[in-house]
Each structure stands twice: as structure tokens, then as C-alpha cells.
Amino acid sequence: MDRESRFWDRIARRYARRPVADEASYRKKLEITRGLFRPGMEVLEFGCGSGATAIAHAPHARHIQAIDISRAMLDIARGKAAAAGVTNITFERAGIDDYAVADGSYDIVLGLSILHLLADRDAAIAKVHRLLKPGGFFVTSTTCLGDSMRWMKALAPIGRAVGLMPLVKVFTAKQLEASLTGAGFAIEQNWQPGKGKAVFIVAHKPG
């Protein structure tokens, strides 16, 4: 985690200043996700980054636990939440792999722009399944480079070795779907705004 966290610490301020690449799609994803919320829900967001999405969803949840491996990102997120007067988000430094909490703790788990940055997406998805209550939802927006930029499989390790890129995994949307269904999820919504765009999936834990 330390190597990856140093990368994100280094670029945190620049990342936080960067505008959303596709504002219309982002707003639609927020709207779809909010449709899942019910009063009193407990929510986890892993890989929360600078906190923008957690803050946007905070009025619709009882509490959001937002975790990230980057201290710098979390500092920015805490500052944003304080400026917005948001008090129902707890920010904590952790990755999904080492995050310790009882199984069945959450109604919704968000993993946005993060699964392709993890060493083992199958282990992460399996853990999300355990952390969800029966009937809970996993919402993910994932860059599936295997569909549009397969050459990244060769380039990404080089970029990481010289410190220009974080760990990046290359897989297809079909492989992501297989990981989700293999973990026991039912895919309820699968939307891609356009070619090369992140795949937005709402997955349901039966129960």
C-alpha cells in the first residue's frame, strides 16, 4: 500500500483540482445511485479520493464511511466536507483489502474508479459481497482498459516502474461482469456512456 499511497499523495492536489471529464455522465451516475438510498442506510465508499462523491451522497445516507490509502487525498476530503458543513462522513486511511469491519455492515458499497487500480479485483469484490447486508448493493464505475486500450497491459508496468503511473490492471467489461457474478452478485444495471468510457454497474447481493 505504501508505494501506491505515495503516488496518490504526490498528485492529490492536482487530482482534486481536475474537473470531471464527463459531467453529464457523472450526474446521471449520482442520480442512479441515489435511487438506491433509503432512510437510515449505512454506506461504505472505498477509494474515496478527494471526497466529492461521498459529500454529494451524504444528505441521502445516515452515515458514510469513506476510506482511501492516500493521506493527502483524505486531508483534502476532510477539508471539503468541513467547508460544505457535512458531518455524517467518517474518513479513514485504509484499503479495501485491509479494512476491518464486521460482515454485513453496509447497505450500499461504492467502488468508483478504483477496481482497475487494485492488485486483486476478485478478492476486493468478494470482500464487498461479505460486507454488504443481504439485499445490499455494490455500485462501481470502472475503466475497462481491455476493451479499448489493450496496449496498456505492456505500458502500465513500465509507467509504474518509473513512478509516472500507479498500479493499473487491464481487463474487459466481460471479465469484470464475470468477477461480480462469480462472487454471488446479480447485475441489475450495466451502462457505458460511450466507447472507451468507464462501465457503470449496479450489482445486487440477493437476500
N, C-alpha and C. Protein backbone atom coordinates (compact mmCIF):
# COMPACT_ATOMS: atom_id res chain seq x y z
N MET A 1 0.82 -1.20 0.00
CA MET A 1 0.00 0.00 0.00
C MET A 1 0.86 1.25 0.00
N ASP A 2 2.03 1.22 0.65
CA ASP A 2 2.83 2.43 0.79
C ASP A 2 3.28 3.00 -0.55
N ARG A 3 3.69 2.13 -1.47
CA ARG A 3 4.13 2.61 -2.78
C ARG A 3 3.00 3.31 -3.51
N GLU A 4 1.83 2.71 -3.50
CA GLU A 4 0.68 3.31 -4.18
C GLU A 4 0.23 4.58 -3.48
N SER A 5 0.24 4.56 -2.15
CA SER A 5 -0.21 5.75 -1.42
C SER A 5 0.72 6.93 -1.67
N ARG A 6 2.01 6.68 -1.82
CA ARG A 6 2.95 7.78 -2.10
C ARG A 6 2.64 8.41 -3.46
N PHE A 7 2.29 7.58 -4.43
CA PHE A 7 1.93 8.13 -5.74
C PHE A 7 0.72 9.05 -5.62
N TRP A 8 -0.33 8.59 -4.95
CA TRP A 8 -1.55 9.39 -4.84
C TRP A 8 -1.36 10.60 -3.93
N ASP A 9 -0.51 10.48 -2.92
CA ASP A 9 -0.18 11.65 -2.10
C ASP A 9 0.46 12.73 -2.95
N ARG A 10 1.34 12.31 -3.84
CA ARG A 10 2.10 13.26 -4.66
C ARG A 10 1.20 14.04 -5.62
N ILE A 11 0.17 13.39 -6.15
CA ILE A 11 -0.66 14.05 -7.16
C ILE A 11 -2.00 14.53 -6.60
N ALA A 12 -2.21 14.40 -5.29
CA ALA A 12 -3.53 14.64 -4.71
C ALA A 12 -4.09 16.03 -5.03
N ARG A 13 -3.30 17.06 -4.85
CA ARG A 13 -3.81 18.42 -5.07
C ARG A 13 -4.15 18.65 -6.55
N ARG A 14 -3.30 18.15 -7.42
CA ARG A 14 -3.57 18.30 -8.85
C ARG A 14 -4.81 17.51 -9.24
N TYR A 15 -4.95 16.31 -8.68
CA TYR A 15 -6.12 15.47 -8.95
C TYR A 15 -7.40 16.15 -8.48
N ALA A 16 -7.37 16.75 -7.29
CA ALA A 16 -8.56 17.38 -6.71
C ALA A 16 -9.00 18.60 -7.52
N ARG A 17 -8.06 19.26 -8.19
CA ARG A 17 -8.39 20.44 -8.99
C ARG A 17 -8.92 20.09 -10.38
N ARG A 18 -8.72 18.85 -10.78
CA ARG A 18 -9.09 18.44 -12.13
C ARG A 18 -10.61 18.37 -12.28
N PRO A 19 -11.18 18.99 -13.30
CA PRO A 19 -12.64 18.93 -13.46
C PRO A 19 -13.10 17.53 -13.87
N VAL A 20 -14.34 17.22 -13.60
CA VAL A 20 -14.93 15.95 -14.02
C VAL A 20 -14.91 15.90 -15.55
N ALA A 21 -14.42 14.80 -16.09
CA ALA A 21 -14.24 14.70 -17.54
C ALA A 21 -15.56 14.69 -18.29
N ASP A 22 -16.57 14.03 -17.73
CA ASP A 22 -17.88 13.92 -18.38
C ASP A 22 -18.94 14.23 -17.33
N GLU A 23 -19.23 15.52 -17.19
CA GLU A 23 -20.12 15.97 -16.12
C GLU A 23 -21.52 15.37 -16.24
N ALA A 24 -22.05 15.27 -17.46
CA ALA A 24 -23.40 14.73 -17.65
C ALA A 24 -23.49 13.28 -17.19
N SER A 25 -22.49 12.48 -17.55
CA SER A 25 -22.49 11.07 -17.14
C SER A 25 -22.32 10.95 -15.63
N TYR A 26 -21.47 11.79 -15.05
CA TYR A 26 -21.27 11.76 -13.60
C TYR A 26 -22.58 12.07 -12.88
N ARG A 27 -23.30 13.08 -13.35
CA ARG A 27 -24.58 13.44 -12.73
C ARG A 27 -25.59 12.30 -12.85
N LYS A 28 -25.59 11.63 -13.99
CA LYS A 28 -26.51 10.50 -14.16
C LYS A 28 -26.16 9.37 -13.20
N LYS A 29 -24.88 9.12 -13.01
CA LYS A 29 -24.45 8.07 -12.08
C LYS A 29 -24.87 8.41 -10.65
N LEU A 30 -24.73 9.69 -10.28
CA LEU A 30 -25.18 10.12 -8.95
C LEU A 30 -26.68 9.89 -8.80
N GLU A 31 -27.43 10.23 -9.83
CA GLU A 31 -28.89 10.09 -9.78
C GLU A 31 -29.31 8.63 -9.64
N ILE A 32 -28.68 7.75 -10.42
CA ILE A 32 -28.99 6.32 -10.34
C ILE A 32 -28.67 5.79 -8.96
N THR A 33 -27.52 6.17 -8.43
CA THR A 33 -27.11 5.70 -7.11
C THR A 33 -28.07 6.19 -6.03
N ARG A 34 -28.45 7.44 -6.11
CA ARG A 34 -29.37 7.99 -5.10
C ARG A 34 -30.70 7.26 -5.10
N GLY A 35 -31.08 6.71 -6.23
CA GLY A 35 -32.32 5.94 -6.30
C GLY A 35 -32.29 4.68 -5.44
N LEU A 36 -31.09 4.26 -5.03
CA LEU A 36 -30.95 3.07 -4.18
C LEU A 36 -31.04 3.39 -2.70
N PHE A 37 -30.84 4.67 -2.36
CA PHE A 37 -30.77 5.07 -0.96
C PHE A 37 -32.15 5.03 -0.30
N ARG A 38 -32.15 4.62 0.97
CA ARG A 38 -33.34 4.66 1.81
C ARG A 38 -32.94 5.27 3.15
N PRO A 39 -33.89 5.83 3.89
CA PRO A 39 -33.54 6.45 5.18
C PRO A 39 -32.81 5.47 6.09
N GLY A 40 -31.77 5.97 6.74
CA GLY A 40 -31.05 5.18 7.74
C GLY A 40 -29.98 4.26 7.19
N MET A 41 -29.66 4.38 5.90
CA MET A 41 -28.70 3.46 5.31
C MET A 41 -27.26 3.76 5.74
N GLU A 42 -26.49 2.68 5.89
CA GLU A 42 -25.05 2.75 6.15
C GLU A 42 -24.33 2.47 4.84
N VAL A 43 -23.40 3.36 4.49
CA VAL A 43 -22.73 3.30 3.19
C VAL A 43 -21.21 3.28 3.39
N LEU A 44 -20.54 2.48 2.57
CA LEU A 44 -19.07 2.48 2.51
C LEU A 44 -18.65 2.90 1.12
N GLU A 45 -17.71 3.83 1.04
CA GLU A 45 -17.04 4.11 -0.23
C GLU A 45 -15.56 3.82 -0.06
N PHE A 46 -15.03 2.90 -0.86
CA PHE A 46 -13.58 2.65 -0.82
C PHE A 46 -12.93 3.27 -2.04
N GLY A 47 -11.71 3.81 -1.82
CA GLY A 47 -11.07 4.59 -2.86
C GLY A 47 -11.80 5.91 -3.04
N CYS A 48 -12.11 6.58 -1.94
CA CYS A 48 -12.95 7.78 -1.99
C CYS A 48 -12.24 8.99 -2.56
N GLY A 49 -10.91 8.94 -2.68
CA GLY A 49 -10.18 10.06 -3.27
C GLY A 49 -10.39 11.34 -2.50
N SER A 50 -10.67 12.41 -3.22
CA SER A 50 -10.81 13.73 -2.59
C SER A 50 -12.21 13.98 -2.03
N GLY A 51 -13.06 12.96 -2.03
CA GLY A 51 -14.30 13.01 -1.26
C GLY A 51 -15.52 13.58 -1.95
N ALA A 52 -15.42 13.98 -3.21
CA ALA A 52 -16.53 14.68 -3.86
C ALA A 52 -17.81 13.84 -3.91
N THR A 53 -17.68 12.56 -4.25
CA THR A 53 -18.88 11.73 -4.40
C THR A 53 -19.49 11.41 -3.04
N ALA A 54 -18.67 11.13 -2.05
CA ALA A 54 -19.20 10.89 -0.70
C ALA A 54 -19.97 12.11 -0.20
N ILE A 55 -19.41 13.28 -0.43
CA ILE A 55 -20.07 14.52 0.01
C ILE A 55 -21.39 14.71 -0.73
N ALA A 56 -21.42 14.40 -2.02
CA ALA A 56 -22.65 14.53 -2.80
C ALA A 56 -23.75 13.60 -2.29
N HIS A 57 -23.36 12.42 -1.83
CA HIS A 57 -24.35 11.45 -1.36
C HIS A 57 -24.71 11.60 0.12
N ALA A 58 -23.93 12.34 0.86
CA ALA A 58 -24.10 12.42 2.32
C ALA A 58 -25.52 12.81 2.76
N PRO A 59 -26.21 13.73 2.10
CA PRO A 59 -27.55 14.09 2.57
C PRO A 59 -28.56 12.95 2.47
N HIS A 60 -28.22 11.89 1.73
CA HIS A 60 -29.18 10.81 1.48
C HIS A 60 -28.89 9.57 2.32
N ALA A 61 -27.86 9.60 3.15
CA ALA A 61 -27.47 8.45 3.96
C ALA A 61 -27.44 8.82 5.44
N ARG A 62 -27.57 7.80 6.28
CA ARG A 62 -27.38 8.07 7.71
C ARG A 62 -25.92 8.36 7.99
N HIS A 63 -25.06 7.51 7.40
CA HIS A 63 -23.62 7.67 7.62
C HIS A 63 -22.87 7.07 6.45
N ILE A 64 -21.78 7.70 6.06
CA ILE A 64 -20.89 7.18 5.02
C ILE A 64 -19.51 7.00 5.62
N GLN A 65 -18.98 5.80 5.50
CA GLN A 65 -17.60 5.50 5.85
C GLN A 65 -16.80 5.58 4.57
N ALA A 66 -15.87 6.52 4.49
CA ALA A 66 -15.10 6.75 3.26
C ALA A 66 -13.64 6.44 3.52
N ILE A 67 -13.09 5.48 2.78
CA ILE A 67 -11.71 5.07 3.01
C ILE A 67 -10.87 5.28 1.76
N ASP A 68 -9.59 5.53 1.98
CA ASP A 68 -8.64 5.69 0.88
C ASP A 68 -7.25 5.42 1.44
N ILE A 69 -6.31 5.05 0.57
CA ILE A 69 -4.95 4.77 1.03
C ILE A 69 -4.09 6.02 1.11
N SER A 70 -4.57 7.14 0.55
CA SER A 70 -3.77 8.36 0.47
C SER A 70 -4.13 9.34 1.60
N ARG A 71 -3.16 9.65 2.44
CA ARG A 71 -3.39 10.64 3.49
C ARG A 71 -3.70 12.01 2.91
N ALA A 72 -3.00 12.36 1.83
CA ALA A 72 -3.21 13.68 1.22
C ALA A 72 -4.62 13.79 0.65
N MET A 73 -5.09 12.75 0.00
CA MET A 73 -6.46 12.76 -0.52
C MET A 73 -7.46 12.92 0.63
N LEU A 74 -7.24 12.20 1.70
CA LEU A 74 -8.16 12.26 2.84
C LEU A 74 -8.14 13.64 3.49
N ASP A 75 -6.98 14.27 3.55
CA ASP A 75 -6.92 15.63 4.10
C ASP A 75 -7.76 16.59 3.26
N ILE A 76 -7.67 16.46 1.95
CA ILE A 76 -8.48 17.29 1.05
C ILE A 76 -9.96 17.00 1.26
N ALA A 77 -10.29 15.72 1.36
CA ALA A 77 -11.69 15.32 1.53
C ALA A 77 -12.27 15.87 2.83
N ARG A 78 -11.49 15.78 3.90
CA ARG A 78 -11.98 16.32 5.18
C ARG A 78 -12.21 17.83 5.09
N GLY A 79 -11.31 18.51 4.40
CA GLY A 79 -11.48 19.95 4.23
C GLY A 79 -12.72 20.29 3.42
N LYS A 80 -12.97 19.54 2.36
CA LYS A 80 -14.16 19.76 1.56
C LYS A 80 -15.44 19.52 2.37
N ALA A 81 -15.45 18.43 3.14
CA ALA A 81 -16.63 18.11 3.94
C ALA A 81 -16.89 19.20 4.98
N ALA A 82 -15.84 19.68 5.62
CA ALA A 82 -15.99 20.74 6.62
C ALA A 82 -16.53 22.02 5.97
N ALA A 83 -16.00 22.35 4.79
CA ALA A 83 -16.45 23.55 4.09
C ALA A 83 -17.92 23.46 3.69
N ALA A 84 -18.36 22.22 3.40
CA ALA A 84 -19.75 22.01 2.99
C ALA A 84 -20.69 21.79 4.18
N GLY A 85 -20.13 21.76 5.38
CA GLY A 85 -20.95 21.52 6.57
C GLY A 85 -21.47 20.11 6.69
N VAL A 86 -20.77 19.16 6.07
CA VAL A 86 -21.17 17.76 6.10
C VAL A 86 -20.54 17.08 7.31
N THR A 87 -21.36 16.46 8.14
CA THR A 87 -20.86 15.87 9.39
C THR A 87 -21.09 14.37 9.49
N ASN A 88 -21.71 13.76 8.50
CA ASN A 88 -22.03 12.33 8.60
C ASN A 88 -21.14 11.45 7.73
N ILE A 89 -19.93 11.95 7.44
CA ILE A 89 -18.93 11.13 6.76
C ILE A 89 -17.74 10.95 7.69
N THR A 90 -17.28 9.71 7.81
CA THR A 90 -16.04 9.41 8.54
C THR A 90 -14.99 9.02 7.52
N PHE A 91 -13.91 9.77 7.46
CA PHE A 91 -12.81 9.47 6.54
C PHE A 91 -11.73 8.71 7.30
N GLU A 92 -11.24 7.63 6.67
CA GLU A 92 -10.25 6.77 7.33
C GLU A 92 -9.25 6.26 6.31
N ARG A 93 -7.99 6.19 6.72
CA ARG A 93 -6.97 5.66 5.81
C ARG A 93 -6.98 4.14 5.86
N ALA A 94 -7.36 3.55 4.76
CA ALA A 94 -7.39 2.09 4.65
C ALA A 94 -7.65 1.74 3.19
N GLY A 95 -7.25 0.54 2.82
CA GLY A 95 -7.64 -0.03 1.53
C GLY A 95 -8.72 -1.06 1.77
N ILE A 96 -9.42 -1.43 0.74
CA ILE A 96 -10.49 -2.41 0.93
C ILE A 96 -9.94 -3.74 1.42
N ASP A 97 -8.70 -4.07 1.06
CA ASP A 97 -8.14 -5.35 1.46
C ASP A 97 -7.85 -5.42 2.95
N ASP A 98 -7.47 -4.29 3.57
CA ASP A 98 -7.12 -4.34 5.00
C ASP A 98 -8.14 -3.62 5.88
N TYR A 99 -9.27 -3.25 5.31
CA TYR A 99 -10.30 -2.58 6.09
C TYR A 99 -11.01 -3.60 6.97
N ALA A 100 -11.00 -3.35 8.28
CA ALA A 100 -11.53 -4.32 9.24
C ALA A 100 -12.89 -3.85 9.77
N VAL A 101 -13.93 -4.60 9.44
CA VAL A 101 -15.28 -4.31 9.93
C VAL A 101 -16.07 -5.61 9.81
N ALA A 102 -17.12 -5.74 10.59
CA ALA A 102 -17.90 -6.96 10.60
C ALA A 102 -18.61 -7.17 9.26
N ASP A 103 -18.73 -8.43 8.87
CA ASP A 103 -19.50 -8.74 7.67
C ASP A 103 -20.94 -8.27 7.85
N GLY A 104 -21.56 -7.91 6.74
CA GLY A 104 -22.95 -7.47 6.77
C GLY A 104 -23.15 -6.11 7.41
N SER A 105 -22.16 -5.24 7.32
CA SER A 105 -22.24 -3.93 7.98
C SER A 105 -22.91 -2.85 7.13
N TYR A 106 -22.99 -3.05 5.81
CA TYR A 106 -23.39 -1.95 4.94
C TYR A 106 -24.57 -2.29 4.04
N ASP A 107 -25.36 -1.25 3.76
CA ASP A 107 -26.47 -1.37 2.82
C ASP A 107 -26.02 -1.13 1.39
N ILE A 108 -25.06 -0.23 1.22
CA ILE A 108 -24.52 0.10 -0.10
C ILE A 108 -23.01 0.23 0.02
N VAL A 109 -22.28 -0.30 -0.95
CA VAL A 109 -20.84 -0.08 -1.06
C VAL A 109 -20.57 0.55 -2.42
N LEU A 110 -19.79 1.62 -2.41
CA LEU A 110 -19.38 2.31 -3.63
C LEU A 110 -17.90 2.05 -3.89
N GLY A 111 -17.59 1.63 -5.10
CA GLY A 111 -16.20 1.47 -5.52
C GLY A 111 -16.05 2.13 -6.89
N LEU A 112 -15.72 3.40 -6.89
CA LEU A 112 -15.78 4.22 -8.11
C LEU A 112 -14.38 4.56 -8.60
N SER A 113 -14.10 4.22 -9.84
CA SER A 113 -12.78 4.48 -10.44
C SER A 113 -11.66 3.87 -9.60
N ILE A 114 -11.87 2.64 -9.12
CA ILE A 114 -10.90 2.04 -8.22
C ILE A 114 -10.56 0.58 -8.56
N LEU A 115 -11.50 -0.21 -9.08
CA LEU A 115 -11.23 -1.64 -9.24
C LEU A 115 -10.06 -1.92 -10.17
N HIS A 116 -9.84 -1.06 -11.17
CA HIS A 116 -8.71 -1.28 -12.09
C HIS A 116 -7.38 -0.84 -11.49
N LEU A 117 -7.44 -0.27 -10.28
CA LEU A 117 -6.21 0.15 -9.59
C LEU A 117 -5.83 -0.79 -8.46
N LEU A 118 -6.52 -1.92 -8.35
CA LEU A 118 -6.26 -2.88 -7.28
C LEU A 118 -5.51 -4.09 -7.81
N ALA A 119 -4.67 -4.65 -6.97
CA ALA A 119 -3.89 -5.82 -7.38
C ALA A 119 -4.78 -7.03 -7.62
N ASP A 120 -5.84 -7.16 -6.85
CA ASP A 120 -6.71 -8.34 -6.93
C ASP A 120 -8.16 -7.91 -6.87
N ARG A 121 -8.77 -7.67 -8.02
CA ARG A 121 -10.15 -7.19 -8.02
C ARG A 121 -11.11 -8.26 -7.52
N ASP A 122 -10.80 -9.55 -7.79
CA ASP A 122 -11.69 -10.62 -7.34
C ASP A 122 -11.77 -10.68 -5.82
N ALA A 123 -10.62 -10.51 -5.16
CA ALA A 123 -10.61 -10.51 -3.69
C ALA A 123 -11.38 -9.30 -3.16
N ALA A 124 -11.22 -8.15 -3.82
CA ALA A 124 -11.93 -6.95 -3.38
C ALA A 124 -13.43 -7.11 -3.54
N ILE A 125 -13.86 -7.66 -4.67
CA ILE A 125 -15.29 -7.85 -4.92
C ILE A 125 -15.87 -8.86 -3.95
N ALA A 126 -15.12 -9.92 -3.67
CA ALA A 126 -15.60 -10.91 -2.70
C ALA A 126 -15.74 -10.29 -1.31
N LYS A 127 -14.82 -9.41 -0.95
CA LYS A 127 -14.93 -8.75 0.36
C LYS A 127 -16.13 -7.82 0.40
N VAL A 128 -16.35 -7.08 -0.68
CA VAL A 128 -17.53 -6.20 -0.74
C VAL A 128 -18.80 -7.03 -0.53
N HIS A 129 -18.86 -8.18 -1.16
CA HIS A 129 -20.03 -9.06 -1.00
C HIS A 129 -20.24 -9.43 0.45
N ARG A 130 -19.15 -9.73 1.15
CA ARG A 130 -19.26 -10.08 2.58
C ARG A 130 -19.70 -8.89 3.42
N LEU A 131 -19.20 -7.70 3.08
CA LEU A 131 -19.50 -6.52 3.89
C LEU A 131 -20.94 -6.04 3.73
N LEU A 132 -21.58 -6.42 2.63
CA LEU A 132 -22.95 -5.99 2.39
C LEU A 132 -23.96 -6.83 3.17
N LYS A 133 -25.01 -6.18 3.59
CA LYS A 133 -26.16 -6.89 4.14
C LYS A 133 -26.86 -7.63 3.00
N PRO A 134 -27.58 -8.71 3.31
CA PRO A 134 -28.40 -9.33 2.27
C PRO A 134 -29.36 -8.30 1.68
N GLY A 135 -29.43 -8.26 0.36
CA GLY A 135 -30.24 -7.26 -0.31
C GLY A 135 -29.51 -5.97 -0.61
N GLY A 136 -28.25 -5.88 -0.20
CA GLY A 136 -27.47 -4.66 -0.41
C GLY A 136 -26.97 -4.51 -1.83
N PHE A 137 -26.41 -3.33 -2.12
CA PHE A 137 -25.98 -3.00 -3.48
C PHE A 137 -24.50 -2.61 -3.51
N PHE A 138 -23.84 -3.05 -4.57
CA PHE A 138 -22.49 -2.61 -4.89
C PHE A 138 -22.57 -1.79 -6.16
N VAL A 139 -22.10 -0.54 -6.09
CA VAL A 139 -22.12 0.36 -7.23
C VAL A 139 -20.67 0.64 -7.64
N THR A 140 -20.36 0.37 -8.89
CA THR A 140 -18.99 0.58 -9.33
C THR A 140 -18.96 1.23 -10.71
N SER A 141 -18.04 2.15 -10.89
CA SER A 141 -17.74 2.74 -12.20
C SER A 141 -16.28 2.40 -12.48
N THR A 142 -16.05 1.62 -13.52
CA THR A 142 -14.73 1.02 -13.69
C THR A 142 -14.22 1.20 -15.11
N THR A 143 -12.99 1.63 -15.22
CA THR A 143 -12.33 1.74 -16.51
C THR A 143 -11.85 0.35 -16.95
N CYS A 144 -12.42 -0.16 -18.03
CA CYS A 144 -12.08 -1.49 -18.52
C CYS A 144 -11.17 -1.35 -19.73
N LEU A 145 -9.90 -1.22 -19.45
CA LEU A 145 -8.92 -0.90 -20.50
C LEU A 145 -8.76 -2.03 -21.50
N GLY A 146 -9.13 -3.24 -21.13
CA GLY A 146 -9.00 -4.36 -22.05
C GLY A 146 -9.90 -4.26 -23.26
N ASP A 147 -10.90 -3.39 -23.20
CA ASP A 147 -11.81 -3.22 -24.33
C ASP A 147 -11.34 -2.16 -25.31
N SER A 148 -10.52 -1.23 -24.84
CA SER A 148 -10.18 -0.10 -25.71
C SER A 148 -8.69 0.23 -25.77
N MET A 149 -7.93 -0.20 -24.76
CA MET A 149 -6.51 0.15 -24.70
C MET A 149 -5.71 -1.06 -24.22
N ARG A 150 -5.79 -2.15 -24.98
CA ARG A 150 -5.12 -3.38 -24.55
C ARG A 150 -3.60 -3.21 -24.46
N TRP A 151 -3.09 -2.25 -25.24
CA TRP A 151 -1.64 -1.99 -25.20
C TRP A 151 -1.18 -1.50 -23.83
N MET A 152 -2.14 -1.03 -22.99
CA MET A 152 -1.78 -0.59 -21.65
C MET A 152 -1.22 -1.72 -20.81
N LYS A 153 -1.55 -2.94 -21.17
CA LYS A 153 -1.04 -4.10 -20.42
C LYS A 153 0.48 -4.13 -20.43
N ALA A 154 1.08 -3.71 -21.53
CA ALA A 154 2.54 -3.65 -21.64
C ALA A 154 3.10 -2.35 -21.09
N LEU A 155 2.37 -1.25 -21.29
CA LEU A 155 2.88 0.06 -20.90
C LEU A 155 2.77 0.32 -19.40
N ALA A 156 1.67 -0.15 -18.79
CA ALA A 156 1.41 0.18 -17.39
C ALA A 156 2.54 -0.22 -16.44
N PRO A 157 3.11 -1.43 -16.55
CA PRO A 157 4.21 -1.78 -15.64
C PRO A 157 5.43 -0.88 -15.80
N ILE A 158 5.68 -0.41 -17.02
CA ILE A 158 6.81 0.49 -17.26
C ILE A 158 6.53 1.83 -16.60
N GLY A 159 5.32 2.36 -16.81
CA GLY A 159 4.94 3.62 -16.19
C GLY A 159 5.00 3.58 -14.69
N ARG A 160 4.61 2.45 -14.13
CA ARG A 160 4.68 2.30 -12.67
C ARG A 160 6.12 2.22 -12.19
N ALA A 161 6.96 1.52 -12.93
CA ALA A 161 8.35 1.34 -12.53
C ALA A 161 9.10 2.66 -12.45
N VAL A 162 8.74 3.60 -13.32
CA VAL A 162 9.44 4.90 -13.33
C VAL A 162 8.69 5.96 -12.52
N GLY A 163 7.61 5.56 -11.86
CA GLY A 163 6.89 6.46 -10.96
C GLY A 163 5.90 7.38 -11.62
N LEU A 164 5.58 7.14 -12.91
CA LEU A 164 4.65 8.02 -13.62
C LEU A 164 3.22 7.54 -13.55
N MET A 165 3.02 6.30 -13.15
CA MET A 165 1.69 5.73 -13.08
C MET A 165 1.54 4.90 -11.81
N PRO A 166 0.32 4.76 -11.32
CA PRO A 166 0.08 3.83 -10.22
C PRO A 166 -0.06 2.42 -10.79
N LEU A 167 -0.29 1.45 -9.95
CA LEU A 167 -0.65 0.11 -10.40
C LEU A 167 -1.93 0.22 -11.23
N VAL A 168 -1.92 -0.34 -12.43
CA VAL A 168 -3.11 -0.34 -13.29
C VAL A 168 -3.29 -1.75 -13.84
N LYS A 169 -4.49 -2.28 -13.69
CA LYS A 169 -4.81 -3.60 -14.21
C LYS A 169 -5.68 -3.46 -15.46
N VAL A 170 -5.39 -4.28 -16.45
CA VAL A 170 -6.10 -4.23 -17.72
C VAL A 170 -7.02 -5.45 -17.83
N PHE A 171 -8.32 -5.18 -17.93
CA PHE A 171 -9.30 -6.26 -18.11
C PHE A 171 -10.50 -5.70 -18.87
N THR A 172 -11.36 -6.60 -19.33
CA THR A 172 -12.51 -6.20 -20.14
C THR A 172 -13.75 -6.08 -19.26
N ALA A 173 -14.78 -5.47 -19.84
CA ALA A 173 -16.07 -5.37 -19.13
C ALA A 173 -16.64 -6.75 -18.87
N LYS A 174 -16.49 -7.67 -19.81
CA LYS A 174 -16.98 -9.03 -19.62
C LYS A 174 -16.27 -9.72 -18.46
N GLN A 175 -14.97 -9.48 -18.33
CA GLN A 175 -14.22 -10.06 -17.21
C GLN A 175 -14.67 -9.46 -15.88
N LEU A 176 -14.97 -8.16 -15.89
CA LEU A 176 -15.49 -7.53 -14.68
C LEU A 176 -16.85 -8.12 -14.31
N GLU A 177 -17.72 -8.27 -15.28
CA GLU A 177 -19.03 -8.86 -15.01
C GLU A 177 -18.88 -10.27 -14.45
N ALA A 178 -17.95 -11.04 -15.01
CA ALA A 178 -17.72 -12.40 -14.53
C ALA A 178 -17.23 -12.41 -13.08
N SER A 179 -16.39 -11.44 -12.73
CA SER A 179 -15.91 -11.33 -11.35
C SER A 179 -17.08 -11.06 -10.40
N LEU A 180 -17.99 -10.19 -10.83
CA LEU A 180 -19.13 -9.84 -9.98
C LEU A 180 -20.09 -11.01 -9.81
N THR A 181 -20.45 -11.64 -10.90
CA THR A 181 -21.38 -12.76 -10.80
C THR A 181 -20.72 -13.95 -10.11
N GLY A 182 -19.42 -14.11 -10.31
CA GLY A 182 -18.71 -15.19 -9.64
C GLY A 182 -18.67 -15.02 -8.13
N ALA A 183 -18.74 -13.78 -7.67
CA ALA A 183 -18.75 -13.51 -6.23
C ALA A 183 -20.14 -13.65 -5.63
N GLY A 184 -21.15 -13.84 -6.48
CA GLY A 184 -22.51 -14.01 -5.98
C GLY A 184 -23.44 -12.84 -6.23
N PHE A 185 -22.96 -11.84 -6.97
CA PHE A 185 -23.80 -10.67 -7.26
C PHE A 185 -24.70 -10.93 -8.47
N ALA A 186 -25.85 -10.28 -8.46
CA ALA A 186 -26.70 -10.19 -9.64
C ALA A 186 -26.57 -8.78 -10.20
N ILE A 187 -26.26 -8.66 -11.47
CA ILE A 187 -26.07 -7.35 -12.09
C ILE A 187 -27.44 -6.79 -12.48
N GLU A 188 -27.78 -5.66 -11.89
CA GLU A 188 -29.09 -5.05 -12.14
C GLU A 188 -29.02 -3.95 -13.18
N GLN A 189 -27.90 -3.29 -13.29
CA GLN A 189 -27.76 -2.22 -14.28
C GLN A 189 -26.33 -2.20 -14.77
N ASN A 190 -26.18 -2.04 -16.07
CA ASN A 190 -24.87 -2.03 -16.70
C ASN A 190 -24.92 -0.98 -17.81
N TRP A 191 -24.22 0.12 -17.58
CA TRP A 191 -24.32 1.25 -18.51
C TRP A 191 -22.93 1.79 -18.82
N GLN A 192 -22.68 1.98 -20.10
CA GLN A 192 -21.44 2.61 -20.54
C GLN A 192 -21.81 3.82 -21.39
N PRO A 193 -21.45 5.04 -20.95
CA PRO A 193 -21.87 6.25 -21.66
C PRO A 193 -21.38 6.35 -23.10
N GLY A 194 -20.28 5.67 -23.40
CA GLY A 194 -19.74 5.72 -24.76
C GLY A 194 -18.50 4.85 -24.85
N LYS A 195 -18.02 4.65 -26.06
CA LYS A 195 -16.85 3.81 -26.27
C LYS A 195 -15.65 4.37 -25.51
N GLY A 196 -14.98 3.50 -24.78
CA GLY A 196 -13.82 3.91 -24.00
C GLY A 196 -14.14 4.54 -22.66
N LYS A 197 -15.43 4.74 -22.38
CA LYS A 197 -15.83 5.32 -21.10
C LYS A 197 -15.90 4.24 -20.02
N ALA A 198 -15.85 4.67 -18.78
CA ALA A 198 -15.97 3.73 -17.66
C ALA A 198 -17.32 3.03 -17.69
N VAL A 199 -17.32 1.78 -17.28
CA VAL A 199 -18.54 0.98 -17.21
C VAL A 199 -19.16 1.15 -15.83
N PHE A 200 -20.42 1.55 -15.81
CA PHE A 200 -21.13 1.80 -14.56
C PHE A 200 -22.07 0.63 -14.29
N ILE A 201 -21.87 -0.04 -13.16
CA ILE A 201 -22.63 -1.23 -12.82
C ILE A 201 -23.25 -1.11 -11.44
N VAL A 202 -24.51 -1.48 -11.35
CA VAL A 202 -25.19 -1.64 -10.07
C VAL A 202 -25.39 -3.14 -9.89
N ALA A 203 -24.77 -3.70 -8.86
CA ALA A 203 -24.87 -5.13 -8.57
C ALA A 203 -25.58 -5.35 -7.24
N HIS A 204 -26.38 -6.39 -7.17
CA HIS A 204 -27.24 -6.66 -6.02
C HIS A 204 -26.82 -7.95 -5.34
N LYS A 205 -26.74 -7.91 -4.01
CA LYS A 205 -26.50 -9.12 -3.23
C LYS A 205 -27.85 -9.72 -2.86
N PRO A 206 -28.19 -10.85 -3.43
CA PRO A 206 -29.51 -11.41 -3.16
C PRO A 206 -29.72 -11.66 -1.66
N GLY A 207 -30.97 -11.57 -1.27
CA GLY A 207 -31.28 -11.84 0.15
C GLY A 207 -32.50 -11.08 0.60
